[in-house]
N, C-alpha and C. Protein backbone atom coordinates (compact mmCIF):
# COMPACT_ATOMS: atom_id res chain seq x y z
N MET A 1 -3.91 6.72 -8.30
CA MET A 1 -2.92 6.72 -9.44
C MET A 1 -1.57 7.19 -9.00
N ALA A 2 -0.48 6.46 -9.04
CA ALA A 2 0.90 6.96 -8.62
C ALA A 2 1.37 8.01 -9.59
N GLU A 3 2.11 8.94 -9.03
CA GLU A 3 2.71 9.96 -9.73
C GLU A 3 4.24 9.85 -9.32
N ILE A 4 5.09 9.51 -10.24
CA ILE A 4 6.57 9.29 -9.83
C ILE A 4 7.37 10.42 -10.63
N ARG A 5 8.23 11.08 -9.88
CA ARG A 5 9.07 12.09 -10.43
C ARG A 5 10.47 11.74 -9.90
N THR A 6 11.43 12.07 -10.78
CA THR A 6 12.88 11.78 -10.48
C THR A 6 13.66 13.08 -10.94
N PHE A 7 14.54 13.55 -9.97
CA PHE A 7 15.45 14.59 -10.22
C PHE A 7 16.85 14.14 -10.10
N GLN A 8 17.67 14.20 -11.10
CA GLN A 8 19.09 13.80 -11.05
C GLN A 8 19.94 15.15 -11.13
N HIS A 9 20.67 15.34 -10.02
CA HIS A 9 21.52 16.60 -10.19
C HIS A 9 22.52 16.55 -11.30
N PRO A 10 22.62 17.64 -11.99
CA PRO A 10 23.48 17.58 -13.22
C PRO A 10 25.01 17.53 -12.90
N LEU A 11 25.39 17.97 -11.74
CA LEU A 11 26.88 18.05 -11.46
C LEU A 11 27.43 17.16 -10.30
N VAL A 12 26.53 16.62 -9.57
CA VAL A 12 27.01 15.68 -8.49
C VAL A 12 26.24 14.45 -8.54
N PRO A 13 26.69 13.35 -7.91
CA PRO A 13 25.89 12.13 -8.01
C PRO A 13 24.87 12.08 -6.75
N PHE A 14 23.79 12.80 -7.15
CA PHE A 14 22.63 12.90 -6.27
C PHE A 14 21.34 12.86 -7.01
N ALA A 15 20.40 12.04 -6.59
CA ALA A 15 19.03 12.03 -7.22
C ALA A 15 17.95 11.82 -5.96
N VAL A 16 16.85 12.40 -6.31
CA VAL A 16 15.76 12.21 -5.51
C VAL A 16 14.51 11.82 -6.36
N SER A 17 13.91 10.71 -5.97
CA SER A 17 12.72 10.17 -6.73
C SER A 17 11.61 10.40 -5.75
N SER A 18 10.41 10.85 -6.30
CA SER A 18 9.16 10.83 -5.42
C SER A 18 8.10 10.03 -6.01
N ASP A 19 7.29 9.34 -5.16
CA ASP A 19 6.20 8.58 -5.65
C ASP A 19 5.06 8.85 -4.71
N MET A 20 4.01 9.50 -5.42
CA MET A 20 2.88 9.95 -4.67
C MET A 20 1.67 8.97 -4.98
N HIS A 21 1.15 8.33 -3.90
CA HIS A 21 0.08 7.39 -4.20
C HIS A 21 -0.87 7.42 -2.95
N ASP A 22 -2.10 7.79 -3.11
CA ASP A 22 -3.15 7.65 -2.13
C ASP A 22 -2.84 8.45 -0.86
N GLY A 23 -2.33 9.68 -1.02
CA GLY A 23 -1.94 10.39 0.09
C GLY A 23 -0.59 10.21 0.69
N HIS A 24 0.03 9.19 0.28
CA HIS A 24 1.47 8.89 0.77
C HIS A 24 2.47 9.40 -0.25
N LEU A 25 3.40 10.30 0.36
CA LEU A 25 4.47 10.54 -0.55
C LEU A 25 5.67 9.96 -0.03
N ALA A 26 6.30 9.23 -1.03
CA ALA A 26 7.60 8.48 -0.73
C ALA A 26 8.73 9.11 -1.45
N LEU A 27 9.71 9.55 -0.80
CA LEU A 27 10.95 10.17 -1.38
C LEU A 27 12.08 9.28 -1.28
N ASP A 28 12.77 9.03 -2.24
CA ASP A 28 13.97 8.14 -2.25
C ASP A 28 15.17 8.84 -2.57
N LEU A 29 16.04 9.01 -1.63
CA LEU A 29 17.24 9.73 -1.92
C LEU A 29 18.45 8.78 -2.23
N SER A 30 19.23 9.13 -3.28
CA SER A 30 20.41 8.37 -3.57
C SER A 30 21.61 9.06 -3.90
N GLY A 31 22.83 8.54 -3.63
CA GLY A 31 23.95 9.43 -3.95
C GLY A 31 24.58 10.12 -2.84
N GLU A 32 25.01 11.24 -3.08
CA GLU A 32 25.66 12.20 -2.08
C GLU A 32 24.97 13.43 -1.84
N LEU A 33 24.35 13.57 -0.58
CA LEU A 33 23.63 14.75 -0.17
C LEU A 33 24.49 15.73 0.49
N ASP A 34 25.02 16.70 -0.29
CA ASP A 34 25.93 17.75 0.30
C ASP A 34 25.58 19.09 -0.11
N LEU A 35 26.34 20.03 0.15
CA LEU A 35 26.05 21.51 -0.07
C LEU A 35 25.75 21.64 -1.54
N ALA A 36 26.38 21.00 -2.43
CA ALA A 36 26.33 21.23 -3.81
C ALA A 36 24.87 20.87 -4.37
N CYS A 37 24.15 20.04 -3.62
CA CYS A 37 22.76 19.61 -4.14
C CYS A 37 21.60 19.83 -3.18
N THR A 38 21.80 20.39 -2.09
CA THR A 38 20.67 20.51 -1.08
C THR A 38 19.50 21.31 -1.78
N ASP A 39 19.82 22.18 -2.72
CA ASP A 39 18.71 22.86 -3.30
C ASP A 39 17.74 22.00 -4.08
N ALA A 40 18.03 20.70 -4.36
CA ALA A 40 17.07 19.67 -4.87
C ALA A 40 16.16 19.38 -3.95
N LEU A 41 16.37 19.54 -2.57
CA LEU A 41 15.42 19.23 -1.52
C LEU A 41 14.64 20.48 -1.00
N ASP A 42 15.12 21.59 -1.48
CA ASP A 42 14.39 22.81 -1.01
C ASP A 42 12.96 22.81 -1.13
N ARG A 43 12.46 22.21 -2.28
CA ARG A 43 11.07 22.04 -2.49
C ARG A 43 10.92 20.68 -3.28
N ASP A 44 10.20 19.76 -2.68
CA ASP A 44 10.12 18.42 -3.35
C ASP A 44 8.92 18.46 -4.29
N GLY A 45 8.20 19.58 -4.38
CA GLY A 45 7.15 19.67 -5.28
C GLY A 45 5.78 19.20 -4.76
N HIS A 46 5.74 18.83 -3.50
CA HIS A 46 4.37 18.42 -2.91
C HIS A 46 4.08 19.08 -1.62
N GLU A 47 4.78 20.20 -1.29
CA GLU A 47 4.61 20.89 0.00
C GLU A 47 3.25 21.42 0.02
N ASP A 48 2.70 21.93 -1.05
CA ASP A 48 1.36 22.61 -1.05
C ASP A 48 0.27 21.66 -1.57
N ASP A 49 0.59 20.33 -1.73
CA ASP A 49 -0.39 19.39 -2.23
C ASP A 49 -1.29 18.86 -0.99
N LEU A 50 -2.48 19.34 -0.97
CA LEU A 50 -3.40 19.06 0.17
C LEU A 50 -3.74 17.58 0.32
N SER A 51 -3.45 16.70 -0.75
CA SER A 51 -3.79 15.34 -0.71
C SER A 51 -2.74 14.49 0.13
N VAL A 52 -1.60 15.18 0.36
CA VAL A 52 -0.47 14.29 1.10
C VAL A 52 -0.77 14.31 2.62
N SER A 53 -0.77 13.18 3.23
CA SER A 53 -0.99 12.99 4.56
C SER A 53 0.14 12.48 5.33
N ASP A 54 0.98 11.79 4.63
CA ASP A 54 2.19 11.19 5.28
C ASP A 54 3.37 11.04 4.32
N VAL A 55 4.54 11.16 4.82
CA VAL A 55 5.76 11.26 4.03
C VAL A 55 6.71 10.32 4.58
N THR A 56 7.43 9.45 3.70
CA THR A 56 8.51 8.54 4.10
C THR A 56 9.68 8.97 3.15
N VAL A 57 10.78 9.20 3.82
CA VAL A 57 12.01 9.53 3.22
C VAL A 57 13.00 8.34 3.24
N ASP A 58 13.27 7.56 2.13
CA ASP A 58 14.14 6.48 2.22
C ASP A 58 15.53 6.84 1.90
N MET A 59 16.41 6.51 2.87
CA MET A 59 17.82 6.91 2.72
C MET A 59 18.74 5.67 2.39
N SER A 60 18.13 4.59 2.06
CA SER A 60 18.83 3.36 1.93
C SER A 60 19.91 3.46 0.80
N HIS A 61 19.73 4.40 -0.10
CA HIS A 61 20.60 4.57 -1.30
C HIS A 61 21.55 5.80 -1.15
N LEU A 62 21.45 6.42 0.08
CA LEU A 62 22.20 7.67 0.32
C LEU A 62 23.60 7.27 0.74
N GLU A 63 24.57 7.59 -0.03
CA GLU A 63 26.00 7.13 0.28
C GLU A 63 26.84 8.08 1.10
N PHE A 64 26.56 9.27 1.05
CA PHE A 64 27.28 10.35 1.82
C PHE A 64 26.27 11.46 2.20
N ILE A 65 26.57 12.11 3.36
CA ILE A 65 25.88 13.30 3.81
C ILE A 65 26.81 14.20 4.55
N ASP A 66 26.71 15.49 4.49
CA ASP A 66 27.51 16.49 5.09
C ASP A 66 26.57 17.27 5.93
N THR A 67 27.04 18.33 6.60
CA THR A 67 26.32 19.17 7.51
C THR A 67 25.09 19.94 6.77
N ALA A 68 25.37 20.36 5.54
CA ALA A 68 24.42 20.95 4.68
C ALA A 68 23.25 19.92 4.41
N GLY A 69 23.68 18.73 4.10
CA GLY A 69 22.72 17.70 3.89
C GLY A 69 21.80 17.39 5.12
N VAL A 70 22.42 17.25 6.31
CA VAL A 70 21.65 17.09 7.54
C VAL A 70 20.68 18.24 7.74
N ARG A 71 21.11 19.43 7.54
CA ARG A 71 20.28 20.62 7.63
C ARG A 71 19.08 20.50 6.62
N ALA A 72 19.45 20.11 5.41
CA ALA A 72 18.29 19.95 4.32
C ALA A 72 17.33 18.92 4.77
N LEU A 73 17.76 17.91 5.39
CA LEU A 73 16.80 16.80 5.88
C LEU A 73 15.93 17.32 6.99
N VAL A 74 16.46 18.12 7.89
CA VAL A 74 15.72 18.81 8.92
C VAL A 74 14.67 19.71 8.37
N GLU A 75 15.02 20.51 7.35
CA GLU A 75 14.16 21.33 6.78
C GLU A 75 12.99 20.65 6.06
N VAL A 76 13.23 19.59 5.33
CA VAL A 76 12.20 18.76 4.65
C VAL A 76 11.31 18.23 5.72
N LYS A 77 11.78 17.71 6.79
CA LYS A 77 10.96 17.06 7.75
C LYS A 77 9.98 18.20 8.47
N ASN A 78 10.68 19.35 8.72
CA ASN A 78 9.91 20.47 9.47
C ASN A 78 8.82 20.97 8.54
N ARG A 79 9.11 21.16 7.17
CA ARG A 79 8.09 21.59 6.16
C ARG A 79 6.93 20.81 6.22
N HIS A 80 7.08 19.49 6.13
CA HIS A 80 5.97 18.57 6.11
C HIS A 80 5.20 18.48 7.51
N LEU A 81 5.98 18.41 8.56
CA LEU A 81 5.29 18.42 9.81
C LEU A 81 4.50 19.75 10.09
N ASP A 82 4.95 21.00 9.66
CA ASP A 82 4.16 22.10 9.75
C ASP A 82 2.93 22.14 8.98
N ARG A 83 2.87 21.10 8.04
CA ARG A 83 1.52 21.01 7.32
C ARG A 83 0.72 19.91 7.85
N GLY A 84 1.12 19.40 9.05
CA GLY A 84 0.29 18.33 9.75
C GLY A 84 0.48 16.98 9.26
N ARG A 85 1.48 16.75 8.52
CA ARG A 85 1.79 15.36 8.00
C ARG A 85 2.67 14.55 8.92
N SER A 86 2.41 13.22 8.99
CA SER A 86 3.51 12.47 9.68
C SER A 86 4.67 12.27 8.78
N VAL A 87 5.87 12.23 9.37
CA VAL A 87 7.07 12.04 8.53
C VAL A 87 8.03 11.04 9.11
N GLN A 88 8.42 10.11 8.33
CA GLN A 88 9.47 9.13 8.75
C GLN A 88 10.59 9.18 7.80
N MET A 89 11.79 9.15 8.43
CA MET A 89 13.12 9.01 7.67
C MET A 89 13.61 7.63 8.00
N VAL A 90 13.67 6.76 7.01
CA VAL A 90 13.87 5.44 7.22
C VAL A 90 15.12 4.89 6.39
N ASN A 91 15.60 3.67 6.90
CA ASN A 91 16.69 3.00 6.31
C ASN A 91 18.01 3.79 6.07
N PRO A 92 18.36 4.52 7.03
CA PRO A 92 19.74 5.28 6.76
C PRO A 92 20.77 4.30 6.86
N VAL A 93 21.78 4.36 5.97
CA VAL A 93 22.92 3.52 5.96
C VAL A 93 23.79 3.97 7.12
N THR A 94 24.78 3.11 7.64
CA THR A 94 25.47 3.36 8.77
C THR A 94 26.21 4.75 8.74
N LEU A 95 26.88 5.06 7.66
CA LEU A 95 27.49 6.48 7.61
C LEU A 95 26.60 7.52 7.80
N VAL A 96 25.38 7.51 7.19
CA VAL A 96 24.33 8.54 7.32
C VAL A 96 23.88 8.67 8.82
N ARG A 97 23.78 7.56 9.33
CA ARG A 97 23.24 7.36 10.88
C ARG A 97 24.29 8.08 11.67
N LYS A 98 25.58 7.74 11.52
CA LYS A 98 26.76 8.30 12.31
C LYS A 98 26.81 9.86 12.00
N VAL A 99 26.76 10.32 10.93
CA VAL A 99 26.90 11.78 10.62
C VAL A 99 25.62 12.54 11.28
N VAL A 100 24.47 11.99 10.99
CA VAL A 100 23.30 12.68 11.64
C VAL A 100 23.43 12.79 13.14
N GLY A 101 23.97 11.59 13.84
CA GLY A 101 24.11 11.62 15.17
C GLY A 101 25.24 12.54 15.70
N LEU A 102 26.37 12.62 14.93
CA LEU A 102 27.43 13.52 15.31
C LEU A 102 26.93 15.01 15.26
N TYR A 103 26.02 15.27 14.40
CA TYR A 103 25.47 16.71 14.42
C TYR A 103 24.24 16.95 15.40
N GLY A 104 24.21 15.85 16.34
CA GLY A 104 23.25 15.97 17.38
C GLY A 104 21.63 15.88 16.99
N ARG A 105 21.54 15.31 15.80
CA ARG A 105 20.11 15.22 15.26
C ARG A 105 19.64 13.79 15.00
N ALA A 106 20.05 12.90 15.96
CA ALA A 106 19.55 11.60 15.87
C ALA A 106 18.02 11.47 15.95
N ASP A 107 17.42 12.47 16.46
CA ASP A 107 15.99 12.62 16.58
C ASP A 107 15.36 12.64 15.13
N LEU A 108 16.14 13.13 14.20
CA LEU A 108 15.63 13.25 12.82
C LEU A 108 15.33 11.81 12.35
N LEU A 109 15.94 10.81 12.83
CA LEU A 109 15.69 9.46 12.21
C LEU A 109 14.67 8.71 13.04
N ALA A 110 14.20 9.26 14.19
CA ALA A 110 13.08 8.63 14.93
C ALA A 110 11.86 8.94 14.19
N GLY A 111 10.94 7.98 14.29
CA GLY A 111 9.55 8.05 13.58
C GLY A 111 8.89 9.33 14.02
């Protein structure tokens, strides 16, 4: 059974939706991931869920990212990897791909 949660930041145009189904956690990021809203990714609510085996972070709706946003994505990936899960960050728009690359973290977008 799928469990869908959505968090909409009250002050900035950022939202994260999570869909948990059969051990797969899908996170969908939309809007602007910057310093004002990285706390929304501090804990996605599934870190301690033992049923999660793999994670996909979809960035196709992410319109902007800054240094703090890149750092938040690195932390999300590392938290899940530390729990033995596979993690894929997929569908980054051109701007997100460029910014992540400029900060020397192109590896973040690799499977």
